[in-house]
Amino acid sequence: MKLIKKAIESAPKGTNFLIDGFPRNQENITEWNKLVGNAVELKKILFYECSFETMEKRILERAKTSGRSDDNLEALKKRFDTYQKETAPVVEEYTKVSMITKINAEQEIDSVYAITKKTLQ
């Protein structure tokens, strides 16, 4: 959190940031509010909707070349379980206040990228 705040403070005024994988849980939101608060305008949160089956297929394909120790089914199941317990409630709360832009990530990667790019313009 402190690294994010430092990057924001050192950037020229008017710089936009895309923070990947954040916030993941309520603790992230609480800390963000303490450290950054209203000093930054939060414009939107991108949420990539994707089934477990698609994630499994992609992770196992990536595992063939990534060399990452966490690119396996067991780690994916743990990440998905953590998402269900900690992140899904955050997504729900931000959806209620219309801060979430949902993107269908079931599509091909190039399509998802094009939609993301358009969303950010």
PDB file of N, CA and C in Angstrom:
ATOM      1  N   MET A   1       0.816  -1.186   0.000  1.00  0.00           N
ATOM      2  CA  MET A   1       0.000   0.000   0.000  1.00  0.00           C
ATOM      3  C   MET A   1       0.862   1.252   0.000  1.00  0.00           C
ATOM      4  N   LYS A   2       1.913   1.233   0.800  1.00  0.00           N
ATOM      5  CA  LYS A   2       2.796   2.397   0.867  1.00  0.00           C
ATOM      6  C   LYS A   2       3.519   2.624  -0.454  1.00  0.00           C
ATOM      7  N   LEU A   3       3.858   1.547  -1.163  1.00  0.00           N
ATOM      8  CA  LEU A   3       4.503   1.681  -2.473  1.00  0.00           C
ATOM      9  C   LEU A   3       3.554   2.303  -3.490  1.00  0.00           C
ATOM     10  N   ILE A   4       2.302   1.903  -3.440  1.00  0.00           N
ATOM     11  CA  ILE A   4       1.308   2.482  -4.340  1.00  0.00           C
ATOM     12  C   ILE A   4       1.165   3.973  -4.049  1.00  0.00           C
ATOM     13  N   LYS A   5       1.057   4.313  -2.782  1.00  0.00           N
ATOM     14  CA  LYS A   5       0.904   5.716  -2.404  1.00  0.00           C
ATOM     15  C   LYS A   5       2.112   6.531  -2.853  1.00  0.00           C
ATOM     16  N   LYS A   6       3.302   5.990  -2.665  1.00  0.00           N
ATOM     17  CA  LYS A   6       4.523   6.691  -3.069  1.00  0.00           C
ATOM     18  C   LYS A   6       4.540   6.929  -4.583  1.00  0.00           C
ATOM     19  N   ALA A   7       4.148   5.928  -5.350  1.00  0.00           N
ATOM     20  CA  ALA A   7       4.116   6.067  -6.810  1.00  0.00           C
ATOM     21  C   ALA A   7       3.121   7.142  -7.226  1.00  0.00           C
ATOM     22  N   ILE A   8       1.984   7.168  -6.596  1.00  0.00           N
ATOM     23  CA  ILE A   8       0.960   8.171  -6.898  1.00  0.00           C
ATOM     24  C   ILE A   8       1.478   9.568  -6.566  1.00  0.00           C
ATOM     25  N   GLU A   9       2.083   9.713  -5.404  1.00  0.00           N
ATOM     26  CA  GLU A   9       2.573  11.027  -4.969  1.00  0.00           C
ATOM     27  C   GLU A   9       3.717  11.540  -5.832  1.00  0.00           C
ATOM     28  N   SER A  10       4.523  10.637  -6.380  1.00  0.00           N
ATOM     29  CA  SER A  10       5.679  11.074  -7.164  1.00  0.00           C
ATOM     30  C   SER A  10       5.350  11.285  -8.641  1.00  0.00           C
ATOM     31  N   ALA A  11       4.162  10.907  -9.059  1.00  0.00           N
ATOM     32  CA  ALA A  11       3.769  11.060 -10.470  1.00  0.00           C
ATOM     33  C   ALA A  11       3.283  12.478 -10.740  1.00  0.00           C
ATOM     34  N   PRO A  12       3.428  12.917 -11.986  1.00  0.00           N
ATOM     35  CA  PRO A  12       2.889  14.245 -12.344  1.00  0.00           C
ATOM     36  C   PRO A  12       1.384  14.306 -12.097  1.00  0.00           C
ATOM     37  N   LYS A  13       0.915  15.476 -11.725  1.00  0.00           N
ATOM     38  CA  LYS A  13      -0.510  15.668 -11.458  1.00  0.00           C
ATOM     39  C   LYS A  13      -1.316  15.280 -12.698  1.00  0.00           C
ATOM     40  N   GLY A  14      -2.426  14.586 -12.477  1.00  0.00           N
ATOM     41  CA  GLY A  14      -3.281  14.172 -13.578  1.00  0.00           C
ATOM     42  C   GLY A  14      -2.941  12.806 -14.157  1.00  0.00           C
ATOM     43  N   THR A  15      -1.908  12.153 -13.607  1.00  0.00           N
ATOM     44  CA  THR A  15      -1.535  10.823 -14.070  1.00  0.00           C
ATOM     45  C   THR A  15      -2.598   9.817 -13.644  1.00  0.00           C
ATOM     46  N   ASN A  16      -2.953   8.936 -14.552  1.00  0.00           N
ATOM     47  CA  ASN A  16      -3.888   7.858 -14.224  1.00  0.00           C
ATOM     48  C   ASN A  16      -3.113   6.594 -13.908  1.00  0.00           C
ATOM     49  N   PHE A  17      -3.661   5.781 -13.035  1.00  0.00           N
ATOM     50  CA  PHE A  17      -3.041   4.530 -12.627  1.00  0.00           C
ATOM     51  C   PHE A  17      -4.014   3.385 -12.821  1.00  0.00           C
ATOM     52  N   LEU A  18      -3.483   2.255 -13.209  1.00  0.00           N
ATOM     53  CA  LEU A  18      -4.234   1.007 -13.253  1.00  0.00           C
ATOM     54  C   LEU A  18      -3.530   0.082 -12.268  1.00  0.00           C
ATOM     55  N   ILE A  19      -4.217  -0.256 -11.196  1.00  0.00           N
ATOM     56  CA  ILE A  19      -3.627  -1.090 -10.147  1.00  0.00           C
ATOM     57  C   ILE A  19      -4.214  -2.485 -10.286  1.00  0.00           C
ATOM     58  N   ASP A  20      -3.377  -3.427 -10.670  1.00  0.00           N
ATOM     59  CA  ASP A  20      -3.817  -4.795 -10.952  1.00  0.00           C
ATOM     60  C   ASP A  20      -4.072  -5.586  -9.672  1.00  0.00           C
ATOM     61  N   GLY A  21      -5.212  -6.267  -9.630  1.00  0.00           N
ATOM     62  CA  GLY A  21      -5.513  -7.160  -8.510  1.00  0.00           C
ATOM     63  C   GLY A  21      -5.804  -6.453  -7.208  1.00  0.00           C
ATOM     64  N   PHE A  22      -6.416  -5.285  -7.287  1.00  0.00           N
ATOM     65  CA  PHE A  22      -6.616  -4.487  -6.077  1.00  0.00           C
ATOM     66  C   PHE A  22      -7.956  -3.794  -6.153  1.00  0.00           C
ATOM     67  N   PRO A  23      -8.717  -3.741  -5.098  1.00  0.00           N
ATOM     68  CA  PRO A  23      -8.512  -4.359  -3.791  1.00  0.00           C
ATOM     69  C   PRO A  23      -8.953  -5.819  -3.804  1.00  0.00           C
ATOM     70  N   ARG A  24      -8.234  -6.612  -3.070  1.00  0.00           N
ATOM     71  CA  ARG A  24      -8.540  -8.043  -3.004  1.00  0.00           C
ATOM     72  C   ARG A  24      -9.455  -8.392  -1.827  1.00  0.00           C
ATOM     73  N   ASN A  25      -9.455  -7.516  -0.818  1.00  0.00           N
ATOM     74  CA  ASN A  25     -10.258  -7.824   0.369  1.00  0.00           C
ATOM     75  C   ASN A  25     -10.583  -6.549   1.127  1.00  0.00           C
ATOM     76  N   GLN A  26     -11.371  -6.688   2.167  1.00  0.00           N
ATOM     77  CA  GLN A  26     -11.796  -5.517   2.947  1.00  0.00           C
ATOM     78  C   GLN A  26     -10.609  -4.834   3.616  1.00  0.00           C
ATOM     79  N   GLU A  27      -9.616  -5.593   4.030  1.00  0.00           N
ATOM     80  CA  GLU A  27      -8.425  -4.999   4.647  1.00  0.00           C
ATOM     81  C   GLU A  27      -7.727  -4.047   3.677  1.00  0.00           C
ATOM     82  N   ASN A  28      -7.648  -4.420   2.397  1.00  0.00           N
ATOM     83  CA  ASN A  28      -7.066  -3.528   1.386  1.00  0.00           C
ATOM     84  C   ASN A  28      -7.822  -2.205   1.326  1.00  0.00           C
ATOM     85  N   ILE A  29      -9.142  -2.277   1.356  1.00  0.00           N
ATOM     86  CA  ILE A  29      -9.965  -1.065   1.291  1.00  0.00           C
ATOM     87  C   ILE A  29      -9.741  -0.200   2.516  1.00  0.00           C
ATOM     88  N   THR A  30      -9.710  -0.818   3.681  1.00  0.00           N
ATOM     89  CA  THR A  30      -9.502  -0.078   4.927  1.00  0.00           C
ATOM     90  C   THR A  30      -8.157   0.647   4.911  1.00  0.00           C
ATOM     91  N   GLU A  31      -7.108  -0.053   4.517  1.00  0.00           N
ATOM     92  CA  GLU A  31      -5.776   0.556   4.469  1.00  0.00           C
ATOM     93  C   GLU A  31      -5.695   1.656   3.415  1.00  0.00           C
ATOM     94  N   TRP A  32      -6.304   1.414   2.262  1.00  0.00           N
ATOM     95  CA  TRP A  32      -6.341   2.433   1.204  1.00  0.00           C
ATOM     96  C   TRP A  32      -6.998   3.712   1.738  1.00  0.00           C
ATOM     97  N   ASN A  33      -8.130   3.550   2.407  1.00  0.00           N
ATOM     98  CA  ASN A  33      -8.836   4.715   2.945  1.00  0.00           C
ATOM     99  C   ASN A  33      -8.005   5.444   3.991  1.00  0.00           C
ATOM    100  N   LYS A  34      -7.241   4.706   4.797  1.00  0.00           N
ATOM    101  CA  LYS A  34      -6.380   5.330   5.807  1.00  0.00           C
ATOM    102  C   LYS A  34      -5.223   6.087   5.179  1.00  0.00           C
ATOM    103  N   LEU A  35      -4.548   5.444   4.232  1.00  0.00           N
ATOM    104  CA  LEU A  35      -3.337   6.027   3.646  1.00  0.00           C
ATOM    105  C   LEU A  35      -3.604   7.028   2.533  1.00  0.00           C
ATOM    106  N   VAL A  36      -4.599   6.769   1.716  1.00  0.00           N
ATOM    107  CA  VAL A  36      -4.825   7.597   0.533  1.00  0.00           C
ATOM    108  C   VAL A  36      -6.099   8.421   0.662  1.00  0.00           C
ATOM    109  N   GLY A  37      -7.136   7.778   1.156  1.00  0.00           N
ATOM    110  CA  GLY A  37      -8.402   8.480   1.373  1.00  0.00           C
ATOM    111  C   GLY A  37      -8.922   9.152   0.125  1.00  0.00           C
ATOM    112  N   ASN A  38      -9.314  10.402   0.266  1.00  0.00           N
ATOM    113  CA  ASN A  38      -9.893  11.156  -0.842  1.00  0.00           C
ATOM    114  C   ASN A  38      -8.845  11.893  -1.679  1.00  0.00           C
ATOM    115  N   ALA A  39      -7.572  11.635  -1.426  1.00  0.00           N
ATOM    116  CA  ALA A  39      -6.512  12.314  -2.174  1.00  0.00           C
ATOM    117  C   ALA A  39      -6.455  11.853  -3.628  1.00  0.00           C
ATOM    118  N   VAL A  40      -7.098  10.731  -3.927  1.00  0.00           N
ATOM    119  CA  VAL A  40      -7.108  10.169  -5.275  1.00  0.00           C
ATOM    120  C   VAL A  40      -8.552   9.930  -5.681  1.00  0.00           C
ATOM    121  N   GLU A  41      -8.863  10.284  -6.936  1.00  0.00           N
ATOM    122  CA  GLU A  41     -10.198  10.014  -7.455  1.00  0.00           C
ATOM    123  C   GLU A  41     -10.221   8.606  -8.040  1.00  0.00           C
ATOM    124  N   LEU A  42     -11.005   7.745  -7.446  1.00  0.00           N
ATOM    125  CA  LEU A  42     -11.183   6.396  -7.958  1.00  0.00           C
ATOM    126  C   LEU A  42     -12.244   6.468  -9.048  1.00  0.00           C
ATOM    127  N   LYS A  43     -11.833   6.190 -10.296  1.00  0.00           N
ATOM    128  CA  LYS A  43     -12.754   6.338 -11.421  1.00  0.00           C
ATOM    129  C   LYS A  43     -13.569   5.084 -11.674  1.00  0.00           C
ATOM    130  N   LYS A  44     -12.922   3.931 -11.637  1.00  0.00           N
ATOM    131  CA  LYS A  44     -13.649   2.688 -11.872  1.00  0.00           C
ATOM    132  C   LYS A  44     -12.793   1.510 -11.456  1.00  0.00           C
ATOM    133  N   ILE A  45     -13.461   0.402 -11.304  1.00  0.00           N
ATOM    134  CA  ILE A  45     -12.795  -0.866 -11.011  1.00  0.00           C
ATOM    135  C   ILE A  45     -13.173  -1.825 -12.134  1.00  0.00           C
ATOM    136  N   LEU A  46     -12.167  -2.407 -12.746  1.00  0.00           N
ATOM    137  CA  LEU A  46     -12.413  -3.400 -13.792  1.00  0.00           C
ATOM    138  C   LEU A  46     -12.512  -4.769 -13.138  1.00  0.00           C
ATOM    139  N   PHE A  47     -13.520  -5.508 -13.522  1.00  0.00           N
ATOM    140  CA  PHE A  47     -13.702  -6.853 -12.987  1.00  0.00           C
ATOM    141  C   PHE A  47     -13.857  -7.813 -14.145  1.00  0.00           C
ATOM    142  N   TYR A  48     -12.928  -8.748 -14.234  1.00  0.00           N
ATOM    143  CA  TYR A  48     -12.921  -9.719 -15.321  1.00  0.00           C
ATOM    144  C   TYR A  48     -13.669 -10.971 -14.877  1.00  0.00           C
ATOM    145  N   GLU A  49     -14.827 -11.203 -15.482  1.00  0.00           N
ATOM    146  CA  GLU A  49     -15.646 -12.369 -15.147  1.00  0.00           C
ATOM    147  C   GLU A  49     -15.166 -13.562 -15.960  1.00  0.00           C
ATOM    148  N   CYS A  50     -14.882 -14.646 -15.255  1.00  0.00           N
ATOM    149  CA  CYS A  50     -14.339 -15.829 -15.902  1.00  0.00           C
ATOM    150  C   CYS A  50     -14.681 -17.050 -15.057  1.00  0.00           C
ATOM    151  N   SER A  51     -15.090 -18.114 -15.703  1.00  0.00           N
ATOM    152  CA  SER A  51     -15.448 -19.330 -14.981  1.00  0.00           C
ATOM    153  C   SER A  51     -14.200 -20.035 -14.451  1.00  0.00           C
ATOM    154  N   PHE A  52     -14.409 -20.849 -13.450  1.00  0.00           N
ATOM    155  CA  PHE A  52     -13.309 -21.636 -12.908  1.00  0.00           C
ATOM    156  C   PHE A  52     -12.724 -22.529 -13.998  1.00  0.00           C
ATOM    157  N   GLU A  53     -13.577 -23.088 -14.825  1.00  0.00           N
ATOM    158  CA  GLU A  53     -13.124 -23.994 -15.885  1.00  0.00           C
ATOM    159  C   GLU A  53     -12.185 -23.287 -16.866  1.00  0.00           C
ATOM    160  N   THR A  54     -12.535 -22.071 -17.242  1.00  0.00           N
ATOM    161  CA  THR A  54     -11.673 -21.312 -18.159  1.00  0.00           C
ATOM    162  C   THR A  54     -10.355 -20.951 -17.482  1.00  0.00           C
ATOM    163  N   MET A  55     -10.425 -20.540 -16.221  1.00  0.00           N
ATOM    164  CA  MET A  55      -9.192 -20.229 -15.499  1.00  0.00           C
ATOM    165  C   MET A  55      -8.296 -21.455 -15.399  1.00  0.00           C
ATOM    166  N   GLU A  56      -8.902 -22.585 -15.091  1.00  0.00           N
ATOM    167  CA  GLU A  56      -8.139 -23.830 -14.976  1.00  0.00           C
ATOM    168  C   GLU A  56      -7.420 -24.130 -16.293  1.00  0.00           C
ATOM    169  N   LYS A  57      -8.140 -24.063 -17.377  1.00  0.00           N
ATOM    170  CA  LYS A  57      -7.562 -24.338 -18.696  1.00  0.00           C
ATOM    171  C   LYS A  57      -6.388 -23.389 -18.984  1.00  0.00           C
ATOM    172  N   ARG A  58      -6.583 -22.110 -18.714  1.00  0.00           N
ATOM    173  CA  ARG A  58      -5.541 -21.114 -19.006  1.00  0.00           C
ATOM    174  C   ARG A  58      -4.320 -21.280 -18.102  1.00  0.00           C
ATOM    175  N   ILE A  59      -4.558 -21.513 -16.833  1.00  0.00           N
ATOM    176  CA  ILE A  59      -3.437 -21.674 -15.896  1.00  0.00           C
ATOM    177  C   ILE A  59      -2.631 -22.921 -16.226  1.00  0.00           C
ATOM    178  N   LEU A  60      -3.318 -24.008 -16.502  1.00  0.00           N
ATOM    179  CA  LEU A  60      -2.593 -25.243 -16.814  1.00  0.00           C
ATOM    180  C   LEU A  60      -1.833 -25.124 -18.139  1.00  0.00           C
ATOM    181  N   GLU A  61      -2.368 -24.358 -19.059  1.00  0.00           N
ATOM    182  CA  GLU A  61      -1.640 -24.106 -20.318  1.00  0.00           C
ATOM    183  C   GLU A  61      -0.411 -23.227 -20.042  1.00  0.00           C
ATOM    184  N   ARG A  62      -0.600 -22.194 -19.233  1.00  0.00           N
ATOM    185  CA  ARG A  62       0.517 -21.311 -18.887  1.00  0.00           C
ATOM    186  C   ARG A  62       1.605 -22.077 -18.140  1.00  0.00           C
ATOM    187  N   ALA A  63       1.198 -23.044 -17.338  1.00  0.00           N
ATOM    188  CA  ALA A  63       2.143 -23.823 -16.529  1.00  0.00           C
ATOM    189  C   ALA A  63       3.175 -24.547 -17.378  1.00  0.00           C
ATOM    190  N   LYS A  64       2.835 -24.831 -18.606  1.00  0.00           N
ATOM    191  CA  LYS A  64       3.751 -25.558 -19.490  1.00  0.00           C
ATOM    192  C   LYS A  64       5.036 -24.787 -19.762  1.00  0.00           C
ATOM    193  N   THR A  65       4.974 -23.452 -19.657  1.00  0.00           N
ATOM    194  CA  THR A  65       6.149 -22.639 -19.982  1.00  0.00           C
ATOM    195  C   THR A  65       6.512 -21.590 -18.935  1.00  0.00           C
ATOM    196  N   SER A  66       5.651 -21.378 -17.948  1.00  0.00           N
ATOM    197  CA  SER A  66       5.865 -20.256 -17.027  1.00  0.00           C
ATOM    198  C   SER A  66       6.981 -20.475 -16.012  1.00  0.00           C
ATOM    199  N   GLY A  67       7.150 -21.713 -15.585  1.00  0.00           N
ATOM    200  CA  GLY A  67       8.122 -21.978 -14.535  1.00  0.00           C
ATOM    201  C   GLY A  67       7.646 -21.544 -13.157  1.00  0.00           C
ATOM    202  N   ARG A  68       6.409 -21.092 -13.052  1.00  0.00           N
ATOM    203  CA  ARG A  68       5.869 -20.656 -11.767  1.00  0.00           C
ATOM    204  C   ARG A  68       5.433 -21.861 -10.952  1.00  0.00           C
ATOM    205  N   SER A  69       5.815 -21.863  -9.694  1.00  0.00           N
ATOM    206  CA  SER A  69       5.452 -22.986  -8.825  1.00  0.00           C
ATOM    207  C   SER A  69       3.970 -22.987  -8.472  1.00  0.00           C
ATOM    208  N   ASP A  70       3.299 -21.841  -8.641  1.00  0.00           N
ATOM    209  CA  ASP A  70       1.880 -21.778  -8.295  1.00  0.00           C
ATOM    210  C   ASP A  70       0.963 -21.970  -9.495  1.00  0.00           C
ATOM    211  N   ASP A  71       1.514 -22.326 -10.630  1.00  0.00           N
ATOM    212  CA  ASP A  71       0.685 -22.633 -11.796  1.00  0.00           C
ATOM    213  C   ASP A  71       0.316 -24.114 -11.789  1.00  0.00           C
ATOM    214  N   ASN A  72      -0.585 -24.442 -10.875  1.00  0.00           N
ATOM    215  CA  ASN A  72      -1.063 -25.830 -10.780  1.00  0.00           C
ATOM    216  C   ASN A  72      -2.488 -25.803 -10.246  1.00  0.00           C
ATOM    217  N   LEU A  73      -3.154 -26.923 -10.384  1.00  0.00           N
ATOM    218  CA  LEU A  73      -4.564 -27.000 -10.018  1.00  0.00           C
ATOM    219  C   LEU A  73      -4.796 -26.750  -8.530  1.00  0.00           C
ATOM    220  N   GLU A  74      -3.935 -27.291  -7.679  1.00  0.00           N
ATOM    221  CA  GLU A  74      -4.104 -27.103  -6.232  1.00  0.00           C
ATOM    222  C   GLU A  74      -4.019 -25.620  -5.852  1.00  0.00           C
ATOM    223  N   ALA A  75      -3.032 -24.920  -6.382  1.00  0.00           N
ATOM    224  CA  ALA A  75      -2.879 -23.488  -6.085  1.00  0.00           C
ATOM    225  C   ALA A  75      -4.054 -22.697  -6.645  1.00  0.00           C
ATOM    226  N   LEU A  76      -4.509 -23.065  -7.835  1.00  0.00           N
ATOM    227  CA  LEU A  76      -5.652 -22.375  -8.432  1.00  0.00           C
ATOM    228  C   LEU A  76      -6.895 -22.543  -7.563  1.00  0.00           C
ATOM    229  N   LYS A  77      -7.128 -23.746  -7.054  1.00  0.00           N
ATOM    230  CA  LYS A  77      -8.280 -23.977  -6.186  1.00  0.00           C
ATOM    231  C   LYS A  77      -8.200 -23.114  -4.922  1.00  0.00           C
ATOM    232  N   LYS A  78      -7.000 -22.985  -4.362  1.00  0.00           N
ATOM    233  CA  LYS A  78      -6.830 -22.138  -3.167  1.00  0.00           C
ATOM    234  C   LYS A  78      -7.088 -20.669  -3.501  1.00  0.00           C
ATOM    235  N   ARG A  79      -6.573 -20.217  -4.648  1.00  0.00           N
ATOM    236  CA  ARG A  79      -6.799 -18.818  -5.054  1.00  0.00           C
ATOM    237  C   ARG A  79      -8.284 -18.568  -5.285  1.00  0.00           C
ATOM    238  N   PHE A  80      -8.954 -19.508  -5.913  1.00  0.00           N
ATOM    239  CA  PHE A  80     -10.380 -19.353  -6.181  1.00  0.00           C
ATOM    240  C   PHE A  80     -11.174 -19.342  -4.883  1.00  0.00           C
ATOM    241  N   ASP A  81     -10.808 -20.191  -3.936  1.00  0.00           N
ATOM    242  CA  ASP A  81     -11.468 -20.223  -2.633  1.00  0.00           C
ATOM    243  C   ASP A  81     -11.270 -18.887  -1.900  1.00  0.00           C
ATOM    244  N   THR A  82     -10.055 -18.364  -1.953  1.00  0.00           N
ATOM    245  CA  THR A  82      -9.775 -17.064  -1.339  1.00  0.00           C
ATOM    246  C   THR A  82     -10.604 -15.977  -2.007  1.00  0.00           C
ATOM    247  N   TYR A  83     -10.697 -16.041  -3.328  1.00  0.00           N
ATOM    248  CA  TYR A  83     -11.529 -15.076  -4.055  1.00  0.00           C
ATOM    249  C   TYR A  83     -12.975 -15.133  -3.546  1.00  0.00           C
ATOM    250  N   GLN A  84     -13.534 -16.328  -3.435  1.00  0.00           N
ATOM    251  CA  GLN A  84     -14.925 -16.478  -2.997  1.00  0.00           C
ATOM    252  C   GLN A  84     -15.142 -15.887  -1.607  1.00  0.00           C
ATOM    253  N   LYS A  85     -14.174 -16.115  -0.715  1.00  0.00           N
ATOM    254  CA  LYS A  85     -14.326 -15.669   0.669  1.00  0.00           C
ATOM    255  C   LYS A  85     -14.022 -14.179   0.857  1.00  0.00           C
ATOM    256  N   GLU A  86     -13.000 -13.665   0.162  1.00  0.00           N
ATOM    257  CA  GLU A  86     -12.522 -12.317   0.450  1.00  0.00           C
ATOM    258  C   GLU A  86     -12.814 -11.286  -0.638  1.00  0.00           C
ATOM    259  N   THR A  87     -12.687 -11.671  -1.890  1.00  0.00           N
ATOM    260  CA  THR A  87     -12.808 -10.695  -2.966  1.00  0.00           C
ATOM    261  C   THR A  87     -14.235 -10.541  -3.469  1.00  0.00           C
ATOM    262  N   ALA A  88     -14.971 -11.623  -3.579  1.00  0.00           N
ATOM    263  CA  ALA A  88     -16.349 -11.540  -4.078  1.00  0.00           C
ATOM    264  C   ALA A  88     -17.197 -10.539  -3.279  1.00  0.00           C
ATOM    265  N   PRO A  89     -17.108 -10.502  -1.947  1.00  0.00           N
ATOM    266  CA  PRO A  89     -17.879  -9.498  -1.210  1.00  0.00           C
ATOM    267  C   PRO A  89     -17.461  -8.054  -1.546  1.00  0.00           C
ATOM    268  N   VAL A  90     -16.190  -7.851  -1.831  1.00  0.00           N
ATOM    269  CA  VAL A  90     -15.709  -6.515  -2.218  1.00  0.00           C
ATOM    270  C   VAL A  90     -16.310  -6.132  -3.566  1.00  0.00           C
ATOM    271  N   VAL A  91     -16.291  -7.064  -4.501  1.00  0.00           N
ATOM    272  CA  VAL A  91     -16.877  -6.816  -5.824  1.00  0.00           C
ATOM    273  C   VAL A  91     -18.361  -6.479  -5.687  1.00  0.00           C
ATOM    274  N   GLU A  92     -19.042  -7.220  -4.847  1.00  0.00           N
ATOM    275  CA  GLU A  92     -20.470  -6.972  -4.628  1.00  0.00           C
ATOM    276  C   GLU A  92     -20.720  -5.568  -4.086  1.00  0.00           C
ATOM    277  N   GLU A  93     -19.916  -5.154  -3.116  1.00  0.00           N
ATOM    278  CA  GLU A  93     -20.084  -3.815  -2.538  1.00  0.00           C
ATOM    279  C   GLU A  93     -19.829  -2.706  -3.560  1.00  0.00           C
ATOM    280  N   TYR A  94     -18.778  -2.838  -4.352  1.00  0.00           N
ATOM    281  CA  TYR A  94     -18.483  -1.828  -5.366  1.00  0.00           C
ATOM    282  C   TYR A  94     -19.510  -1.859  -6.495  1.00  0.00           C
ATOM    283  N   THR A  95     -20.104  -3.002  -6.755  1.00  0.00           N
ATOM    284  CA  THR A  95     -21.155  -3.089  -7.763  1.00  0.00           C
ATOM    285  C   THR A  95     -22.371  -2.282  -7.316  1.00  0.00           C
ATOM    286  N   LYS A  96     -22.687  -2.354  -6.031  1.00  0.00           N
ATOM    287  CA  LYS A  96     -23.844  -1.624  -5.489  1.00  0.00           C
ATOM    288  C   LYS A  96     -23.718  -0.122  -5.684  1.00  0.00           C
ATOM    289  N   VAL A  97     -22.479   0.390  -5.702  1.00  0.00           N
ATOM    290  CA  VAL A  97     -22.287   1.834  -5.861  1.00  0.00           C
ATOM    291  C   VAL A  97     -21.811   2.185  -7.272  1.00  0.00           C
ATOM    292  N   SER A  98     -22.043   1.258  -8.203  1.00  0.00           N
ATOM    293  CA  SER A  98     -21.775   1.462  -9.628  1.00  0.00           C
ATOM    294  C   SER A  98     -20.321   1.838  -9.946  1.00  0.00           C
ATOM    295  N   MET A  99     -19.378   1.231  -9.229  1.00  0.00           N
ATOM    296  CA  MET A  99     -17.954   1.486  -9.489  1.00  0.00           C
ATOM    297  C   MET A  99     -17.319   0.373 -10.330  1.00  0.00           C
ATOM    298  N   ILE A 100     -18.030  -0.715 -10.524  1.00  0.00           N
ATOM    299  CA  ILE A 100     -17.483  -1.877 -11.221  1.00  0.00           C
ATOM    300  C   ILE A 100     -17.849  -1.834 -12.698  1.00  0.00           C
ATOM    301  N   THR A 101     -16.857  -2.047 -13.534  1.00  0.00           N
ATOM    302  CA  THR A 101     -17.082  -2.297 -14.955  1.00  0.00           C
ATOM    303  C   THR A 101     -16.732  -3.757 -15.179  1.00  0.00           C
ATOM    304  N   LYS A 102     -17.726  -4.562 -15.501  1.00  0.00           N
ATOM    305  CA  LYS A 102     -17.502  -5.992 -15.681  1.00  0.00           C
ATOM    306  C   LYS A 102     -17.142  -6.280 -17.135  1.00  0.00           C
ATOM    307  N   ILE A 103     -16.142  -7.122 -17.295  1.00  0.00           N
ATOM    308  CA  ILE A 103     -15.663  -7.505 -18.619  1.00  0.00           C
ATOM    309  C   ILE A 103     -15.700  -9.023 -18.718  1.00  0.00           C
ATOM    310  N   ASN A 104     -16.301  -9.512 -19.780  1.00  0.00           N
ATOM    311  CA  ASN A 104     -16.402 -10.946 -20.001  1.00  0.00           C
ATOM    312  C   ASN A 104     -15.033 -11.477 -20.429  1.00  0.00           C
ATOM    313  N   ALA A 105     -14.352 -12.175 -19.544  1.00  0.00           N
ATOM    314  CA  ALA A 105     -13.015 -12.696 -19.825  1.00  0.00           C
ATOM    315  C   ALA A 105     -13.045 -14.113 -20.376  1.00  0.00           C
ATOM    316  N   GLU A 106     -14.228 -14.596 -20.715  1.00  0.00           N
ATOM    317  CA  GLU A 106     -14.344 -15.914 -21.339  1.00  0.00           C
ATOM    318  C   GLU A 106     -13.910 -15.858 -22.808  1.00  0.00           C
ATOM    319  N   GLN A 107     -13.855 -14.662 -23.348  1.00  0.00           N
ATOM    320  CA  GLN A 107     -13.504 -14.473 -24.750  1.00  0.00           C
ATOM    321  C   GLN A 107     -12.006 -14.697 -24.974  1.00  0.00           C
ATOM    322  N   GLU A 108     -11.617 -14.672 -26.233  1.00  0.00           N
ATOM    323  CA  GLU A 108     -10.195 -14.769 -26.565  1.00  0.00           C
ATOM    324  C   GLU A 108      -9.457 -13.568 -25.981  1.00  0.00           C
ATOM    325  N   ILE A 109      -8.194 -13.756 -25.677  1.00  0.00           N
ATOM    326  CA  ILE A 109      -7.393 -12.729 -25.020  1.00  0.00           C
ATOM    327  C   ILE A 109      -7.387 -11.413 -25.800  1.00  0.00           C
ATOM    328  N   ASP A 110      -7.260 -11.480 -27.115  1.00  0.00           N
ATOM    329  CA  ASP A 110      -7.245 -10.249 -27.920  1.00  0.00           C
ATOM    330  C   ASP A 110      -8.554  -9.479 -27.795  1.00  0.00           C
ATOM    331  N   SER A 111      -9.662 -10.181 -27.705  1.00  0.00           N
ATOM    332  CA  SER A 111     -10.963  -9.531 -27.535  1.00  0.00           C
ATOM    333  C   SER A 111     -11.072  -8.871 -26.168  1.00  0.00           C
ATOM    334  N   VAL A 112     -10.613  -9.575 -25.152  1.00  0.00           N
ATOM    335  CA  VAL A 112     -10.641  -9.024 -23.791  1.00  0.00           C
ATOM    336  C   VAL A 112      -9.774  -7.765 -23.727  1.00  0.00           C
ATOM    337  N   TYR A 113      -8.612  -7.820 -24.367  1.00  0.00           N
ATOM    338  CA  TYR A 113      -7.723  -6.650 -24.395  1.00  0.00           C
ATOM    339  C   TYR A 113      -8.403  -5.475 -25.095  1.00  0.00           C
ATOM    340  N   ALA A 114      -9.035  -5.732 -26.229  1.00  0.00           N
ATOM    341  CA  ALA A 114      -9.697  -4.659 -26.977  1.00  0.00           C
ATOM    342  C   ALA A 114     -10.807  -4.013 -26.151  1.00  0.00           C
ATOM    343  N   ILE A 115     -11.582  -4.827 -25.459  1.00  0.00           N
ATOM    344  CA  ILE A 115     -12.659  -4.301 -24.614  1.00  0.00           C
ATOM    345  C   ILE A 115     -12.071  -3.488 -23.462  1.00  0.00           C
ATOM    346  N   THR A 116     -11.003  -3.998 -22.870  1.00  0.00           N
ATOM    347  CA  THR A 116     -10.347  -3.282 -21.768  1.00  0.00           C
ATOM    348  C   THR A 116      -9.839  -1.932 -22.248  1.00  0.00           C
ATOM    349  N   LYS A 117      -9.164  -1.916 -23.359  1.00  0.00           N
ATOM    350  CA  LYS A 117      -8.613  -0.676 -23.917  1.00  0.00           C
ATOM    351  C   LYS A 117      -9.715   0.337 -24.169  1.00  0.00           C
ATOM    352  N   LYS A 118     -10.809  -0.114 -24.773  1.00  0.00           N
ATOM    353  CA  LYS A 118     -11.949   0.768 -25.049  1.00  0.00           C
ATOM    354  C   LYS A 118     -12.550   1.308 -23.751  1.00  0.00           C
ATOM    355  N   THR A 119     -12.657   0.442 -22.753  1.00  0.00           N
ATOM    356  CA  THR A 119     -13.216   0.827 -21.455  1.00  0.00           C
ATOM    357  C   THR A 119     -12.394   1.909 -20.779  1.00  0.00           C
ATOM    358  N   LEU A 120     -11.080   1.854 -20.962  1.00  0.00           N
ATOM    359  CA  LEU A 120     -10.194   2.813 -20.301  1.00  0.00           C
ATOM    360  C   LEU A 120     -10.055   4.143 -21.050  1.00  0.00           C
ATOM    361  N   GLN A 121     -10.506   4.194 -22.273  1.00  0.00           N
ATOM    362  CA  GLN A 121     -10.380   5.448 -23.052  1.00  0.00           C
ATOM    363  C   GLN A 121     -11.425   6.453 -22.673  1.00  0.00           C
TER     364      GLN A 121
END
